[in-house]
């Protein structure tokens, strides 16, 4: 899932070229990943969290897509938000606001 249609097209083309038929792309928005409810086992936000314009609403909407026991991993560069990074304490605080608890 991404907010950039061109990037999603790149993923679809690469998946087709490499023979992966179990990859589905989703065009989302800045506050909702638009995933089906209770359908996701795990989520990894890799070097993208600092780009989420509305992180608390995004994480709240993401929760609806999670199956019981699902986990969300957030890996990002340490920074101040305007430098393609974010402070870990900000991420933890925003996740708590959205109803998550830190597992580790």
PDB file of N, CA and C in Angstrom:
ATOM      1  N   UNK A   1       0.835  -1.174   0.000  1.00  0.00           N
ATOM      2  CA  UNK A   1       0.000   0.000   0.000  1.00  0.00           C
ATOM      3  C   UNK A   1       0.876   1.231   0.000  1.00  0.00           C
ATOM      4  N   UNK A   2       0.414   2.215  -0.709  1.00  0.00           N
ATOM      5  CA  UNK A   2       1.175   3.449  -0.825  1.00  0.00           C
ATOM      6  C   UNK A   2       0.225   4.532  -1.332  1.00  0.00           C
ATOM      7  N   UNK A   3       0.647   5.776  -1.185  1.00  0.00           N
ATOM      8  CA  UNK A   3      -0.151   6.885  -1.705  1.00  0.00           C
ATOM      9  C   UNK A   3       0.311   7.298  -3.100  1.00  0.00           C
ATOM     10  N   UNK A   4       1.345   6.637  -3.608  1.00  0.00           N
ATOM     11  CA  UNK A   4       1.920   6.982  -4.899  1.00  0.00           C
ATOM     12  C   UNK A   4       1.529   5.932  -5.947  1.00  0.00           C
ATOM     13  N   UNK A   5       0.613   6.268  -6.874  1.00  0.00           N
ATOM     14  CA  UNK A   5       0.182   5.290  -7.873  1.00  0.00           C
ATOM     15  C   UNK A   5       1.325   4.767  -8.747  1.00  0.00           C
ATOM     16  N   UNK A   6       2.302   5.606  -9.043  1.00  0.00           N
ATOM     17  CA  UNK A   6       3.428   5.170  -9.871  1.00  0.00           C
ATOM     18  C   UNK A   6       4.251   4.101  -9.158  1.00  0.00           C
ATOM     19  N   UNK A   7       4.432   4.242  -7.860  1.00  0.00           N
ATOM     20  CA  UNK A   7       5.178   3.242  -7.106  1.00  0.00           C
ATOM     21  C   UNK A   7       4.414   1.923  -7.074  1.00  0.00           C
ATOM     22  N   UNK A   8       3.096   1.996  -6.919  1.00  0.00           N
ATOM     23  CA  UNK A   8       2.287   0.775  -6.922  1.00  0.00           C
ATOM     24  C   UNK A   8       2.367   0.074  -8.276  1.00  0.00           C
ATOM     25  N   UNK A   9       2.385   0.835  -9.345  1.00  0.00           N
ATOM     26  CA  UNK A   9       2.524   0.262 -10.681  1.00  0.00           C
ATOM     27  C   UNK A   9       3.869  -0.454 -10.809  1.00  0.00           C
ATOM     28  N   UNK A  10       4.916   0.157 -10.272  1.00  0.00           N
ATOM     29  CA  UNK A  10       6.246  -0.466 -10.273  1.00  0.00           C
ATOM     30  C   UNK A  10       6.206  -1.804  -9.528  1.00  0.00           C
ATOM     31  N   UNK A  11       5.539  -1.846  -8.392  1.00  0.00           N
ATOM     32  CA  UNK A  11       5.442  -3.087  -7.614  1.00  0.00           C
ATOM     33  C   UNK A  11       4.680  -4.150  -8.406  1.00  0.00           C
ATOM     34  N   UNK A  12       3.555  -3.779  -9.025  1.00  0.00           N
ATOM     35  CA  UNK A  12       2.774  -4.739  -9.815  1.00  0.00           C
ATOM     36  C   UNK A  12       3.608  -5.309 -10.969  1.00  0.00           C
ATOM     37  N   UNK A  13       4.328  -4.437 -11.646  1.00  0.00           N
ATOM     38  CA  UNK A  13       5.156  -4.885 -12.771  1.00  0.00           C
ATOM     39  C   UNK A  13       6.274  -5.810 -12.309  1.00  0.00           C
ATOM     40  N   UNK A  14       6.913  -5.457 -11.218  1.00  0.00           N
ATOM     41  CA  UNK A  14       7.997  -6.303 -10.718  1.00  0.00           C
ATOM     42  C   UNK A  14       7.464  -7.655 -10.250  1.00  0.00           C
ATOM     43  N   UNK A  15       6.329  -7.646  -9.555  1.00  0.00           N
ATOM     44  CA  UNK A  15       5.733  -8.904  -9.090  1.00  0.00           C
ATOM     45  C   UNK A  15       5.387  -9.800 -10.280  1.00  0.00           C
ATOM     46  N   UNK A  16       4.807  -9.225 -11.316  1.00  0.00           N
ATOM     47  CA  UNK A  16       4.461  -9.988 -12.520  1.00  0.00           C
ATOM     48  C   UNK A  16       5.716 -10.552 -13.169  1.00  0.00           C
ATOM     49  N   UNK A  17       6.730  -9.700 -13.313  1.00  0.00           N
ATOM     50  CA  UNK A  17       7.991 -10.095 -13.950  1.00  0.00           C
ATOM     51  C   UNK A  17       8.676 -11.228 -13.177  1.00  0.00           C
ATOM     52  N   UNK A  18       8.571 -11.201 -11.852  1.00  0.00           N
ATOM     53  CA  UNK A  18       9.248 -12.209 -11.033  1.00  0.00           C
ATOM     54  C   UNK A  18       8.352 -13.407 -10.700  1.00  0.00           C
ATOM     55  N   UNK A  19       7.122 -13.393 -11.229  1.00  0.00           N
ATOM     56  CA  UNK A  19       6.244 -14.546 -11.058  1.00  0.00           C
ATOM     57  C   UNK A  19       5.503 -14.615  -9.737  1.00  0.00           C
ATOM     58  N   UNK A  20       5.387 -13.512  -9.033  1.00  0.00           N
ATOM     59  CA  UNK A  20       4.625 -13.486  -7.777  1.00  0.00           C
ATOM     60  C   UNK A  20       3.179 -13.117  -8.088  1.00  0.00           C
ATOM     61  N   UNK A  21       2.268 -14.020  -7.750  1.00  0.00           N
ATOM     62  CA  UNK A  21       0.863 -13.793  -8.054  1.00  0.00           C
ATOM     63  C   UNK A  21       0.040 -13.523  -6.796  1.00  0.00           C
ATOM     64  N   UNK A  22       0.688 -13.478  -5.647  1.00  0.00           N
ATOM     65  CA  UNK A  22      -0.028 -13.273  -4.387  1.00  0.00           C
ATOM     66  C   UNK A  22       0.197 -11.866  -3.825  1.00  0.00           C
ATOM     67  N   UNK A  23       0.558 -10.918  -4.665  1.00  0.00           N
ATOM     68  CA  UNK A  23       0.803  -9.547  -4.223  1.00  0.00           C
ATOM     69  C   UNK A  23      -0.326  -8.667  -4.721  1.00  0.00           C
ATOM     70  N   UNK A  24      -0.917  -7.956  -3.786  1.00  0.00           N
ATOM     71  CA  UNK A  24      -2.002  -7.034  -4.118  1.00  0.00           C
ATOM     72  C   UNK A  24      -1.571  -5.636  -3.682  1.00  0.00           C
ATOM     73  N   UNK A  25      -1.720  -4.665  -4.562  1.00  0.00           N
ATOM     74  CA  UNK A  25      -1.378  -3.292  -4.205  1.00  0.00           C
ATOM     75  C   UNK A  25      -2.651  -2.534  -3.852  1.00  0.00           C
ATOM     76  N   UNK A  26      -2.512  -1.583  -2.925  1.00  0.00           N
ATOM     77  CA  UNK A  26      -3.648  -0.778  -2.484  1.00  0.00           C
ATOM     78  C   UNK A  26      -3.211   0.676  -2.463  1.00  0.00           C
ATOM     79  N   UNK A  27      -3.965   1.512  -3.141  1.00  0.00           N
ATOM     80  CA  UNK A  27      -3.747   2.955  -3.104  1.00  0.00           C
ATOM     81  C   UNK A  27      -4.473   3.484  -1.872  1.00  0.00           C
ATOM     82  N   UNK A  28      -3.703   3.952  -0.884  1.00  0.00           N
ATOM     83  CA  UNK A  28      -4.309   4.446   0.346  1.00  0.00           C
ATOM     84  C   UNK A  28      -4.233   5.967   0.391  1.00  0.00           C
ATOM     85  N   UNK A  29      -4.470   6.532   1.569  1.00  0.00           N
ATOM     86  CA  UNK A  29      -4.395   7.985   1.713  1.00  0.00           C
ATOM     87  C   UNK A  29      -3.654   8.336   2.998  1.00  0.00           C
ATOM     88  N   UNK A  30      -3.614   9.597   3.335  1.00  0.00           N
ATOM     89  CA  UNK A  30      -2.775  10.032   4.453  1.00  0.00           C
ATOM     90  C   UNK A  30      -3.345   9.725   5.835  1.00  0.00           C
ATOM     91  N   UNK A  31      -4.548   9.190   5.910  1.00  0.00           N
ATOM     92  CA  UNK A  31      -5.114   8.904   7.223  1.00  0.00           C
ATOM     93  C   UNK A  31      -5.747   7.516   7.342  1.00  0.00           C
ATOM     94  N   UNK A  32      -5.725   6.735   6.247  1.00  0.00           N
ATOM     95  CA  UNK A  32      -6.361   5.424   6.281  1.00  0.00           C
ATOM     96  C   UNK A  32      -5.676   4.501   5.279  1.00  0.00           C
ATOM     97  N   UNK A  33      -5.182   3.342   5.736  1.00  0.00           N
ATOM     98  CA  UNK A  33      -4.536   2.417   4.807  1.00  0.00           C
ATOM     99  C   UNK A  33      -5.525   1.693   3.891  1.00  0.00           C
ATOM    100  N   UNK A  34      -6.814   1.792   4.184  1.00  0.00           N
ATOM    101  CA  UNK A  34      -7.862   1.207   3.347  1.00  0.00           C
ATOM    102  C   UNK A  34      -7.719  -0.306   3.181  1.00  0.00           C
ATOM    103  N   UNK A  35      -7.308  -0.963   4.255  1.00  0.00           N
ATOM    104  CA  UNK A  35      -7.196  -2.417   4.252  1.00  0.00           C
ATOM    105  C   UNK A  35      -8.513  -3.035   4.732  1.00  0.00           C
ATOM    106  N   UNK A  36      -8.827  -4.247   4.272  1.00  0.00           N
ATOM    107  CA  UNK A  36     -10.058  -4.902   4.718  1.00  0.00           C
ATOM    108  C   UNK A  36     -10.022  -5.165   6.224  1.00  0.00           C
ATOM    109  N   UNK A  37     -11.158  -5.098   6.895  1.00  0.00           N
ATOM    110  CA  UNK A  37     -11.200  -5.318   8.347  1.00  0.00           C
ATOM    111  C   UNK A  37     -10.792  -6.738   8.742  1.00  0.00           C
ATOM    112  N   UNK A  38     -10.097  -6.824   9.867  1.00  0.00           N
ATOM    113  CA  UNK A  38      -9.694  -8.103  10.477  1.00  0.00           C
ATOM    114  C   UNK A  38      -9.066  -9.058   9.468  1.00  0.00           C
ATOM    115  N   UNK A  39      -8.133  -8.536   8.670  1.00  0.00           N
ATOM    116  CA  UNK A  39      -7.584  -9.315   7.564  1.00  0.00           C
ATOM    117  C   UNK A  39      -6.058  -9.418   7.570  1.00  0.00           C
ATOM    118  N   UNK A  40      -5.381  -8.714   8.468  1.00  0.00           N
ATOM    119  CA  UNK A  40      -3.932  -8.596   8.389  1.00  0.00           C
ATOM    120  C   UNK A  40      -3.274  -9.226   9.621  1.00  0.00           C
ATOM    121  N   UNK A  41      -2.263 -10.078   9.373  1.00  0.00           N
ATOM    122  CA  UNK A  41      -1.518 -10.725  10.458  1.00  0.00           C
ATOM    123  C   UNK A  41      -0.411  -9.842  11.012  1.00  0.00           C
ATOM    124  N   UNK A  42       0.245  -9.089  10.135  1.00  0.00           N
ATOM    125  CA  UNK A  42       1.332  -8.220  10.567  1.00  0.00           C
ATOM    126  C   UNK A  42       1.522  -7.093   9.561  1.00  0.00           C
ATOM    127  N   UNK A  43       2.072  -5.998  10.068  1.00  0.00           N
ATOM    128  CA  UNK A  43       2.320  -4.822   9.242  1.00  0.00           C
ATOM    129  C   UNK A  43       3.732  -4.344   9.543  1.00  0.00           C
ATOM    130  N   UNK A  44       4.458  -3.972   8.516  1.00  0.00           N
ATOM    131  CA  UNK A  44       5.766  -3.367   8.692  1.00  0.00           C
ATOM    132  C   UNK A  44       5.775  -2.041   7.947  1.00  0.00           C
ATOM    133  N   UNK A  45       5.956  -0.965   8.688  1.00  0.00           N
ATOM    134  CA  UNK A  45       6.140   0.360   8.100  1.00  0.00           C
ATOM    135  C   UNK A  45       7.637   0.611   8.100  1.00  0.00           C
ATOM    136  N   UNK A  46       8.245   0.486   6.947  1.00  0.00           N
ATOM    137  CA  UNK A  46       9.696   0.538   6.825  1.00  0.00           C
ATOM    138  C   UNK A  46      10.131   1.860   6.201  1.00  0.00           C
ATOM    139  N   UNK A  47      10.742   2.697   7.007  1.00  0.00           N
ATOM    140  CA  UNK A  47      11.283   3.990   6.575  1.00  0.00           C
ATOM    141  C   UNK A  47      10.235   4.875   5.905  1.00  0.00           C
ATOM    142  N   UNK A  48       8.997   4.764   6.399  1.00  0.00           N
ATOM    143  CA  UNK A  48       7.912   5.568   5.837  1.00  0.00           C
ATOM    144  C   UNK A  48       7.099   6.301   6.891  1.00  0.00           C
ATOM    145  N   UNK A  49       7.197   5.900   8.152  1.00  0.00           N
ATOM    146  CA  UNK A  49       6.333   6.484   9.181  1.00  0.00           C
ATOM    147  C   UNK A  49       6.467   7.998   9.230  1.00  0.00           C
ATOM    148  N   UNK A  50       7.666   8.509   9.060  1.00  0.00           N
ATOM    149  CA  UNK A  50       7.879   9.954   9.120  1.00  0.00           C
ATOM    150  C   UNK A  50       7.146  10.695   8.003  1.00  0.00           C
ATOM    151  N   UNK A  51       6.700   9.975   6.974  1.00  0.00           N
ATOM    152  CA  UNK A  51       5.975  10.580   5.850  1.00  0.00           C
ATOM    153  C   UNK A  51       4.459  10.600   6.060  1.00  0.00           C
ATOM    154  N   UNK A  52       3.962   9.875   7.062  1.00  0.00           N
ATOM    155  CA  UNK A  52       2.517   9.794   7.288  1.00  0.00           C
ATOM    156  C   UNK A  52       2.031  11.138   7.818  1.00  0.00           C
ATOM    157  N   UNK A  53       1.145  11.770   7.055  1.00  0.00           N
ATOM    158  CA  UNK A  53       0.690  13.121   7.395  1.00  0.00           C
ATOM    159  C   UNK A  53      -0.180  13.154   8.643  1.00  0.00           C
ATOM    160  N   UNK A  54      -0.979  12.114   8.851  1.00  0.00           N
ATOM    161  CA  UNK A  54      -1.879  12.053  10.003  1.00  0.00           C
ATOM    162  C   UNK A  54      -1.662  10.716  10.719  1.00  0.00           C
ATOM    163  N   UNK A  55      -0.572  10.600  11.473  1.00  0.00           N
ATOM    164  CA  UNK A  55      -0.196   9.291  12.014  1.00  0.00           C
ATOM    165  C   UNK A  55      -1.199   8.683  12.988  1.00  0.00           C
ATOM    166  N   UNK A  56      -1.785   9.464  13.887  1.00  0.00           N
ATOM    167  CA  UNK A  56      -2.708   8.874  14.867  1.00  0.00           C
ATOM    168  C   UNK A  56      -3.963   8.351  14.169  1.00  0.00           C
ATOM    169  N   UNK A  57      -4.632   9.145  13.311  1.00  0.00           N
ATOM    170  CA  UNK A  57      -5.777   8.569  12.588  1.00  0.00           C
ATOM    171  C   UNK A  57      -5.384   7.381  11.708  1.00  0.00           C
ATOM    172  N   UNK A  58      -4.209   7.454  11.079  1.00  0.00           N
ATOM    173  CA  UNK A  58      -3.741   6.345  10.248  1.00  0.00           C
ATOM    174  C   UNK A  58      -3.619   5.076  11.081  1.00  0.00           C
ATOM    175  N   UNK A  59      -2.969   5.174  12.239  1.00  0.00           N
ATOM    176  CA  UNK A  59      -2.791   3.996  13.090  1.00  0.00           C
ATOM    177  C   UNK A  59      -4.123   3.489  13.637  1.00  0.00           C
ATOM    178  N   UNK A  60      -5.041   4.390  13.965  1.00  0.00           N
ATOM    179  CA  UNK A  60      -6.373   3.963  14.423  1.00  0.00           C
ATOM    180  C   UNK A  60      -7.088   3.189  13.330  1.00  0.00           C
ATOM    181  N   UNK A  61      -7.050   3.695  12.114  1.00  0.00           N
ATOM    182  CA  UNK A  61      -7.686   2.998  10.992  1.00  0.00           C
ATOM    183  C   UNK A  61      -6.987   1.683  10.682  1.00  0.00           C
ATOM    184  N   UNK A  62      -5.679   1.638  10.850  1.00  0.00           N
ATOM    185  CA  UNK A  62      -4.931   0.411  10.643  1.00  0.00           C
ATOM    186  C   UNK A  62      -5.367  -0.676  11.630  1.00  0.00           C
ATOM    187  N   UNK A  63      -5.673  -0.287  12.850  1.00  0.00           N
ATOM    188  CA  UNK A  63      -6.087  -1.264  13.880  1.00  0.00           C
ATOM    189  C   UNK A  63      -7.279  -2.082  13.434  1.00  0.00           C
ATOM    190  N   UNK A  64      -8.191  -1.462  12.702  1.00  0.00           N
ATOM    191  CA  UNK A  64      -9.387  -2.182  12.239  1.00  0.00           C
ATOM    192  C   UNK A  64      -9.025  -3.328  11.295  1.00  0.00           C
ATOM    193  N   UNK A  65      -7.913  -3.199  10.604  1.00  0.00           N
ATOM    194  CA  UNK A  65      -7.501  -4.220   9.636  1.00  0.00           C
ATOM    195  C   UNK A  65      -6.777  -5.392  10.291  1.00  0.00           C
ATOM    196  N   UNK A  66      -6.374  -5.232  11.536  1.00  0.00           N
ATOM    197  CA  UNK A  66      -5.557  -6.254  12.195  1.00  0.00           C
ATOM    198  C   UNK A  66      -6.403  -7.404  12.738  1.00  0.00           C
ATOM    199  N   UNK A  67      -5.899  -8.613  12.545  1.00  0.00           N
ATOM    200  CA  UNK A  67      -6.494  -9.789  13.174  1.00  0.00           C
ATOM    201  C   UNK A  67      -6.114  -9.788  14.653  1.00  0.00           C
ATOM    202  N   UNK A  68      -6.842 -10.501  15.497  1.00  0.00           N
ATOM    203  CA  UNK A  68      -6.432 -10.615  16.899  1.00  0.00           C
ATOM    204  C   UNK A  68      -4.996 -11.156  16.994  1.00  0.00           C
ATOM    205  N   UNK A  69      -4.189 -10.525  17.815  1.00  0.00           N
ATOM    206  CA  UNK A  69      -2.803 -10.942  17.999  1.00  0.00           C
ATOM    207  C   UNK A  69      -1.844 -10.409  16.954  1.00  0.00           C
ATOM    208  N   UNK A  70      -2.331  -9.659  15.985  1.00  0.00           N
ATOM    209  CA  UNK A  70      -1.458  -9.101  14.943  1.00  0.00           C
ATOM    210  C   UNK A  70      -0.477  -8.107  15.549  1.00  0.00           C
ATOM    211  N   UNK A  71       0.620  -7.920  14.866  1.00  0.00           N
ATOM    212  CA  UNK A  71       1.651  -6.975  15.320  1.00  0.00           C
ATOM    213  C   UNK A  71       1.947  -5.961  14.234  1.00  0.00           C
ATOM    214  N   UNK A  72       2.343  -4.781  14.690  1.00  0.00           N
ATOM    215  CA  UNK A  72       2.746  -3.705  13.791  1.00  0.00           C
ATOM    216  C   UNK A  72       4.183  -3.345  14.120  1.00  0.00           C
ATOM    217  N   UNK A  73       5.043  -3.372  13.138  1.00  0.00           N
ATOM    218  CA  UNK A  73       6.429  -2.975  13.319  1.00  0.00           C
ATOM    219  C   UNK A  73       6.675  -1.657  12.601  1.00  0.00           C
ATOM    220  N   UNK A  74       7.374  -0.761  13.265  1.00  0.00           N
ATOM    221  CA  UNK A  74       7.709   0.526  12.664  1.00  0.00           C
ATOM    222  C   UNK A  74       9.215   0.702  12.745  1.00  0.00           C
ATOM    223  N   UNK A  75       9.846   0.737  11.598  1.00  0.00           N
ATOM    224  CA  UNK A  75      11.285   0.963  11.511  1.00  0.00           C
ATOM    225  C   UNK A  75      11.489   2.241  10.718  1.00  0.00           C
ATOM    226  N   UNK A  76      12.133   3.205  11.329  1.00  0.00           N
ATOM    227  CA  UNK A  76      12.376   4.472  10.652  1.00  0.00           C
ATOM    228  C   UNK A  76      13.707   5.024  11.116  1.00  0.00           C
ATOM    229  N   UNK A  77      14.182   5.977  10.405  1.00  0.00           N
ATOM    230  CA  UNK A  77      15.438   6.646  10.734  1.00  0.00           C
ATOM    231  C   UNK A  77      15.195   7.618  11.881  1.00  0.00           C
ATOM    232  N   UNK A  78      16.116   7.682  12.815  1.00  0.00           N
ATOM    233  CA  UNK A  78      16.002   8.640  13.904  1.00  0.00           C
ATOM    234  C   UNK A  78      16.146  10.045  13.334  1.00  0.00           C
ATOM    235  N   UNK A  79      15.262  10.931  13.715  1.00  0.00           N
ATOM    236  CA  UNK A  79      15.324  12.296  13.207  1.00  0.00           C
ATOM    237  C   UNK A  79      14.271  13.178  13.831  1.00  0.00           C
ATOM    238  N   UNK A  80      14.008  14.300  13.174  1.00  0.00           N
ATOM    239  CA  UNK A  80      13.096  15.305  13.712  1.00  0.00           C
ATOM    240  C   UNK A  80      11.826  15.449  12.888  1.00  0.00           C
ATOM    241  N   UNK A  81      11.609  14.614  11.881  1.00  0.00           N
ATOM    242  CA  UNK A  81      10.417  14.701  11.054  1.00  0.00           C
ATOM    243  C   UNK A  81      10.643  15.453   9.764  1.00  0.00           C
ATOM    244  N   UNK A  82      11.419  16.528   9.813  1.00  0.00           N
ATOM    245  CA  UNK A  82      11.673  17.306   8.601  1.00  0.00           C
ATOM    246  C   UNK A  82      12.951  16.852   7.900  1.00  0.00           C
ATOM    247  N   UNK A  83      13.586  15.810   8.424  1.00  0.00           N
ATOM    248  CA  UNK A  83      14.849  15.317   7.857  1.00  0.00           C
ATOM    249  C   UNK A  83      14.760  13.835   7.474  1.00  0.00           C
ATOM    250  N   UNK A  84      13.578  13.405   7.067  1.00  0.00           N
ATOM    251  CA  UNK A  84      13.324  12.007   6.698  1.00  0.00           C
ATOM    252  C   UNK A  84      13.633  11.061   7.845  1.00  0.00           C
ATOM    253  N   UNK A  85      13.231  11.455   9.033  1.00  0.00           N
ATOM    254  CA  UNK A  85      13.370  10.623  10.209  1.00  0.00           C
ATOM    255  C   UNK A  85      12.404  11.088  11.274  1.00  0.00           C
ATOM    256  N   UNK A  86      12.334  10.335  12.366  1.00  0.00           N
ATOM    257  CA  UNK A  86      11.435  10.691  13.462  1.00  0.00           C
ATOM    258  C   UNK A  86      11.982  10.104  14.751  1.00  0.00           C
ATOM    259  N   UNK A  87      11.747  10.787  15.838  1.00  0.00           N
ATOM    260  CA  UNK A  87      12.196  10.332  17.144  1.00  0.00           C
ATOM    261  C   UNK A  87      11.345   9.147  17.595  1.00  0.00           C
ATOM    262  N   UNK A  88      11.966   8.126  18.137  1.00  0.00           N
ATOM    263  CA  UNK A  88      11.261   6.926  18.581  1.00  0.00           C
ATOM    264  C   UNK A  88      10.193   7.254  19.621  1.00  0.00           C
ATOM    265  N   UNK A  89      10.455   8.205  20.493  1.00  0.00           N
ATOM    266  CA  UNK A  89       9.470   8.575  21.520  1.00  0.00           C
ATOM    267  C   UNK A  89       8.197   9.141  20.892  1.00  0.00           C
ATOM    268  N   UNK A  90       8.334   9.842  19.789  1.00  0.00           N
ATOM    269  CA  UNK A  90       7.162  10.377  19.078  1.00  0.00           C
ATOM    270  C   UNK A  90       6.333   9.219  18.526  1.00  0.00           C
ATOM    271  N   UNK A  91       6.991   8.251  17.918  1.00  0.00           N
ATOM    272  CA  UNK A  91       6.294   7.091  17.349  1.00  0.00           C
ATOM    273  C   UNK A  91       5.553   6.339  18.446  1.00  0.00           C
ATOM    274  N   UNK A  92       6.225   6.059  19.550  1.00  0.00           N
ATOM    275  CA  UNK A  92       5.599   5.325  20.658  1.00  0.00           C
ATOM    276  C   UNK A  92       4.416   6.112  21.207  1.00  0.00           C
ATOM    277  N   UNK A  93       4.578   7.415  21.378  1.00  0.00           N
ATOM    278  CA  UNK A  93       3.493   8.244  21.895  1.00  0.00           C
ATOM    279  C   UNK A  93       2.289   8.277  20.969  1.00  0.00           C
ATOM    280  N   UNK A  94       2.535   8.416  19.673  1.00  0.00           N
ATOM    281  CA  UNK A  94       1.426   8.436  18.715  1.00  0.00           C
ATOM    282  C   UNK A  94       0.729   7.087  18.641  1.00  0.00           C
ATOM    283  N   UNK A  95       1.503   6.018  18.718  1.00  0.00           N
ATOM    284  CA  UNK A  95       0.902   4.679  18.707  1.00  0.00           C
ATOM    285  C   UNK A  95       0.043   4.473  19.946  1.00  0.00           C
ATOM    286  N   UNK A  96       0.492   4.935  21.082  1.00  0.00           N
ATOM    287  CA  UNK A  96      -0.319   4.829  22.311  1.00  0.00           C
ATOM    288  C   UNK A  96      -1.622   5.605  22.170  1.00  0.00           C
ATOM    289  N   UNK A  97      -1.540   6.811  21.572  1.00  0.00           N
ATOM    290  CA  UNK A  97      -2.756   7.599  21.347  1.00  0.00           C
ATOM    291  C   UNK A  97      -3.755   6.835  20.471  1.00  0.00           C
ATOM    292  N   UNK A  98      -3.228   6.031  19.570  1.00  0.00           N
ATOM    293  CA  UNK A  98      -4.077   5.267  18.651  1.00  0.00           C
ATOM    294  C   UNK A  98      -4.537   3.943  19.255  1.00  0.00           C
ATOM    295  N   UNK A  99      -4.149   3.658  20.503  1.00  0.00           N
ATOM    296  CA  UNK A  99      -4.614   2.460  21.195  1.00  0.00           C
ATOM    297  C   UNK A  99      -3.690   1.272  21.156  1.00  0.00           C
ATOM    298  N   UNK A 100      -2.460   1.458  20.735  1.00  0.00           N
ATOM    299  CA  UNK A 100      -1.490   0.362  20.697  1.00  0.00           C
ATOM    300  C   UNK A 100      -0.709   0.319  22.002  1.00  0.00           C
ATOM    301  N   UNK A 101      -0.094  -0.840  22.262  1.00  0.00           N
ATOM    302  CA  UNK A 101       0.837  -0.929  23.383  1.00  0.00           C
ATOM    303  C   UNK A 101       2.155  -1.467  22.870  1.00  0.00           C
ATOM    304  N   UNK A 102       3.234  -0.983  23.456  1.00  0.00           N
ATOM    305  CA  UNK A 102       4.566  -1.364  23.034  1.00  0.00           C
ATOM    306  C   UNK A 102       4.876  -2.791  23.475  1.00  0.00           C
ATOM    307  N   UNK A 103       5.249  -3.634  22.510  1.00  0.00           N
ATOM    308  CA  UNK A 103       5.574  -5.021  22.796  1.00  0.00           C
ATOM    309  C   UNK A 103       7.079  -5.217  22.944  1.00  0.00           C
ATOM    310  N   UNK A 104       7.856  -4.328  22.371  1.00  0.00           N
ATOM    311  CA  UNK A 104       9.295  -4.504  22.482  1.00  0.00           C
ATOM    312  C   UNK A 104      10.029  -3.570  21.562  1.00  0.00           C
TER     313      UNK A 104
END
